[in-house]
């Protein structure tokens, strides 16, 4: 199949099972000049359903961009829940805040601007309750560090999801000099070796090309 065929299938899935895809949020992101690296609508609803299925009330997202996945996660936790999302770029965070407020979920979302590896220790120091779900979709070279932090901020039964781990199939190349590929291999190997995680990974195709995500259950 071609990329065009993958994209056509994605459109069909949105029309049949996703429903309202909040296209206005993606349009606002594009108008603001943000890169089109959001999760797809089908992926966003998948995240939403995972969060609902585990009855998540506290979600940590690393990598906000324009708030598209944040919106779906916020709707999953509802007004009694909380999404803490971390974004390095102030402009991206500003666009995300406008999107989330316009969609009526802004009060459920705490956006923290700055390097996540600086924000995460500060978050831990606040002594908040553990997170039920962690979604990692930020700078790929730090994925393993983010998973380690996810372990510190969750509890047994929580879920950690890492996006973009297949890299167009390049993860099979153990000699790759691509930093993102090397980081993806590192995070998958960490998930395999870490005794407190039980993990799997899936490759995906669609409007976002050929990639995939890793899914881990915190067991201890």
Protein backbone atom coordinates (compact mmCIF):
# COMPACT_ATOMS: atom_id res chain seq x y z
CA UNK A 1 0.00 0.00 0.00
CA UNK A 2 1.01 3.61 -0.53
CA UNK A 3 0.96 6.52 1.89
CA UNK A 4 -2.09 7.83 0.05
CA UNK A 5 -3.92 4.56 0.67
CA UNK A 6 -2.93 4.60 4.35
CA UNK A 7 -4.26 8.15 4.63
CA UNK A 8 -7.51 7.13 2.91
CA UNK A 9 -8.00 4.35 5.46
CA UNK A 10 -7.39 6.85 8.26
CA UNK A 11 -10.06 9.15 6.82
CA UNK A 12 -12.49 6.25 6.62
CA UNK A 13 -11.80 5.29 10.24
CA UNK A 14 -12.34 8.86 11.39
CA UNK A 15 -15.65 9.00 9.53
CA UNK A 16 -16.87 5.65 10.86
CA UNK A 17 -15.59 5.18 14.41
CA UNK A 18 -13.75 8.29 15.61
CA UNK A 19 -16.49 10.83 15.02
CA UNK A 20 -15.77 14.49 15.73
CA UNK A 21 -12.02 14.74 15.20
CA UNK A 22 -11.70 18.35 16.47
CA UNK A 23 -10.26 19.42 13.13
CA UNK A 24 -10.43 23.05 14.26
CA UNK A 25 -7.64 22.36 16.77
CA UNK A 26 -5.39 20.97 14.05
CA UNK A 27 -6.30 23.94 11.84
CA UNK A 28 -5.41 26.37 14.63
CA UNK A 29 -2.08 24.62 15.09
CA UNK A 30 -1.32 24.87 11.38
CA UNK A 31 -2.35 28.54 11.29
CA UNK A 32 0.06 29.22 14.15
CA UNK A 33 2.89 27.58 12.22
CA UNK A 34 3.25 24.54 14.47
CA UNK A 35 4.74 21.41 12.87
CA UNK A 36 2.16 18.82 11.80
CA UNK A 37 3.47 16.15 14.16
CA UNK A 38 0.35 15.71 16.29
CA UNK A 39 -1.03 12.23 16.78
CA UNK A 40 -3.69 11.35 14.21
CA UNK A 41 -7.38 11.58 15.16
CA UNK A 42 -7.63 7.78 15.35
CA UNK A 43 -4.56 7.64 17.58
CA UNK A 44 -5.93 10.45 19.76
CA UNK A 45 -9.18 8.61 20.34
CA UNK A 46 -7.24 5.42 21.04
CA UNK A 47 -5.35 7.26 23.80
CA UNK A 48 -8.65 8.62 25.08
CA UNK A 49 -10.16 5.14 25.27
CA UNK A 50 -7.11 3.70 27.02
CA UNK A 51 -7.33 6.44 29.64
CA UNK A 52 -11.04 5.80 30.11
CA UNK A 53 -10.62 2.03 30.23
CA UNK A 54 -8.19 2.26 33.15
CA UNK A 55 -10.33 4.97 34.78
CA UNK A 56 -7.42 7.38 34.74
CA UNK A 57 -7.88 10.51 36.79
CA UNK A 58 -4.30 11.77 36.66
CA UNK A 59 -2.41 11.87 33.37
CA UNK A 60 1.12 13.09 32.68
CA UNK A 61 1.89 14.08 29.10
CA UNK A 62 5.42 14.90 28.01
CA UNK A 63 5.20 16.89 24.78
CA UNK A 64 2.13 19.11 24.40
CA UNK A 65 2.64 20.69 20.98
CA UNK A 66 -0.69 22.42 20.26
CA UNK A 67 -2.69 20.38 22.73
CA UNK A 68 -4.44 17.96 20.37
CA UNK A 69 -3.65 14.78 22.29
CA UNK A 70 -3.97 16.78 25.51
CA UNK A 71 -7.56 17.60 24.62
CA UNK A 72 -8.49 13.94 24.17
CA UNK A 73 -6.75 12.97 27.40
CA UNK A 74 -8.45 15.79 29.30
CA UNK A 75 -11.86 14.63 28.12
CA UNK A 76 -10.99 11.15 29.33
CA UNK A 77 -10.17 12.26 32.89
CA UNK A 78 -13.09 14.68 33.07
CA UNK A 79 -13.62 17.64 35.41
CA UNK A 80 -12.64 15.61 38.47
CA UNK A 81 -9.31 14.67 36.89
CA UNK A 82 -6.10 16.42 35.96
CA UNK A 83 -3.71 16.38 33.02
CA UNK A 84 -0.23 17.74 33.62
CA UNK A 85 1.42 18.36 30.26
CA UNK A 86 4.96 19.56 29.60
CA UNK A 87 6.05 21.60 26.60
CA UNK A 88 9.48 23.01 25.81
CA UNK A 89 8.40 25.70 23.34
CA UNK A 90 6.50 28.68 24.85
CA UNK A 91 4.72 29.37 21.55
CA UNK A 92 3.42 25.81 21.37
CA UNK A 93 2.20 26.04 24.95
CA UNK A 94 0.41 29.31 24.18
CA UNK A 95 -1.40 27.76 21.22
CA UNK A 96 -2.28 24.71 23.31
CA UNK A 97 -3.70 26.86 26.09
CA UNK A 98 -5.92 28.72 23.63
CA UNK A 99 -7.14 25.46 22.09
CA UNK A 100 -7.89 23.83 25.43
CA UNK A 101 -9.67 26.88 26.81
CA UNK A 102 -11.75 27.20 23.65
CA UNK A 103 -12.75 23.54 23.95
CA UNK A 104 -13.83 23.97 27.56
CA UNK A 105 -11.24 21.72 29.22
CA UNK A 106 -8.63 24.31 30.12
CA UNK A 107 -9.32 24.13 33.85
CA UNK A 108 -8.50 20.42 33.84
CA UNK A 109 -5.05 20.92 32.31
CA UNK A 110 -1.83 22.18 33.89
CA UNK A 111 0.67 23.21 31.19
CA UNK A 112 4.28 23.45 32.34
CA UNK A 113 6.65 25.27 30.02
CA UNK A 114 10.33 24.41 29.83
CA UNK A 115 12.58 21.40 29.46
CA UNK A 116 10.74 18.36 30.80
CA UNK A 117 13.90 17.08 32.48
CA UNK A 118 13.80 20.27 34.56
CA UNK A 119 10.04 20.21 35.13
CA UNK A 120 9.86 16.56 36.20
CA UNK A 121 12.02 16.91 39.35
CA UNK A 122 9.97 19.95 40.34
CA UNK A 123 6.79 17.97 39.84
CA UNK A 124 8.10 15.13 41.98
CA UNK A 125 9.07 17.60 44.72
CA UNK A 126 5.46 18.77 44.94
CA UNK A 127 4.49 15.37 46.31
CA UNK A 128 1.41 14.95 44.13
CA UNK A 129 -0.50 11.68 43.87
CA UNK A 130 0.83 9.11 41.37
CA UNK A 131 -0.20 9.35 37.75
CA UNK A 132 -2.42 6.68 36.23
CA UNK A 133 -1.15 7.18 32.68
CA UNK A 134 1.97 8.72 31.18
CA UNK A 135 2.07 9.62 27.47
CA UNK A 136 5.51 10.43 26.07
CA UNK A 137 5.67 12.25 22.73
CA UNK A 138 8.52 14.73 22.96
CA UNK A 139 12.22 14.88 22.03
CA UNK A 140 13.02 11.29 21.19
CA UNK A 141 16.59 11.29 22.46
CA UNK A 142 15.29 11.57 26.03
CA UNK A 143 12.62 8.86 25.81
CA UNK A 144 14.46 6.49 28.13
CA UNK A 145 14.92 9.27 30.68
CA UNK A 146 11.22 10.08 30.45
CA UNK A 147 10.29 6.45 31.05
CA UNK A 148 12.54 6.38 34.11
CA UNK A 149 10.77 9.47 35.40
CA UNK A 150 7.44 7.89 34.55
CA UNK A 151 8.32 5.01 36.84
CA UNK A 152 9.05 7.46 39.66
CA UNK A 153 5.74 9.24 39.21
CA UNK A 154 3.36 6.30 38.78
CA UNK A 155 2.16 3.28 40.76
CA UNK A 156 1.62 -0.42 40.05
CA UNK A 157 -1.25 -0.59 37.57
CA UNK A 158 -0.34 2.64 35.79
CA UNK A 159 0.37 2.71 32.06
CA UNK A 160 3.27 4.33 30.19
CA UNK A 161 2.94 4.91 26.43
CA UNK A 162 5.81 6.07 24.20
CA UNK A 163 5.00 7.32 20.70
CA UNK A 164 7.09 7.12 17.51
CA UNK A 165 9.27 4.15 18.40
CA UNK A 166 9.36 2.39 15.01
CA UNK A 167 10.83 5.25 12.96
CA UNK A 168 9.75 3.96 9.57
CA UNK A 169 11.20 0.55 10.34
CA UNK A 170 14.68 1.92 11.01
CA UNK A 171 14.76 0.51 14.55
CA UNK A 172 15.94 -2.83 13.14
CA UNK A 173 19.27 -1.21 12.26
CA UNK A 174 21.48 -1.69 15.28
CA UNK A 175 24.23 0.39 13.66
CA UNK A 176 22.08 3.42 12.83
CA UNK A 177 23.65 6.81 13.45
CA UNK A 178 20.22 8.46 13.63
CA UNK A 179 19.82 9.77 17.19
CA UNK A 180 16.06 9.17 17.22
CA UNK A 181 16.48 5.58 16.02
CA UNK A 182 19.13 4.90 18.63
CA UNK A 183 16.89 6.44 21.31
CA UNK A 184 13.95 4.30 20.21
CA UNK A 185 16.04 1.16 20.49
CA UNK A 186 17.26 2.31 23.90
CA UNK A 187 13.77 2.88 25.27
CA UNK A 188 12.48 -0.45 23.97
CA UNK A 189 15.44 -2.26 25.49
CA UNK A 190 14.83 -0.42 28.77
CA UNK A 191 11.18 -1.48 28.77
CA UNK A 192 12.27 -5.06 28.19
CA UNK A 193 14.92 -5.12 30.91
CA UNK A 194 13.15 -3.07 33.57
CA UNK A 195 11.58 -5.56 36.04
CA UNK A 196 8.88 -3.08 37.04
CA UNK A 197 7.48 -2.92 33.51
CA UNK A 198 5.60 -5.40 31.34
CA UNK A 199 5.68 -4.02 27.81
CA UNK A 200 4.76 -4.53 24.19
CA UNK A 201 5.00 -2.41 21.05
CA UNK A 202 3.00 -2.08 17.85
CA UNK A 203 3.88 -0.68 14.46
CA UNK A 204 1.29 1.52 12.79
CA UNK A 205 0.65 2.94 9.34
CA UNK A 206 -1.65 5.78 8.37
CA UNK A 207 -1.75 9.46 7.60
CA UNK A 208 1.33 9.88 9.81
CA UNK A 209 3.31 7.33 7.83
CA UNK A 210 4.95 4.18 9.21
CA UNK A 211 5.71 4.30 12.90
CA UNK A 212 4.45 2.79 16.14
CA UNK A 213 4.20 3.05 19.88
CA UNK A 214 5.29 1.16 22.98
CA UNK A 215 2.87 0.36 25.79
CA UNK A 216 4.00 -0.67 29.26
CA UNK A 217 2.15 -1.67 32.40
CA UNK A 218 3.81 -0.66 35.66
CA UNK A 219 3.90 -3.83 37.75
CA UNK A 220 6.02 -2.84 40.72
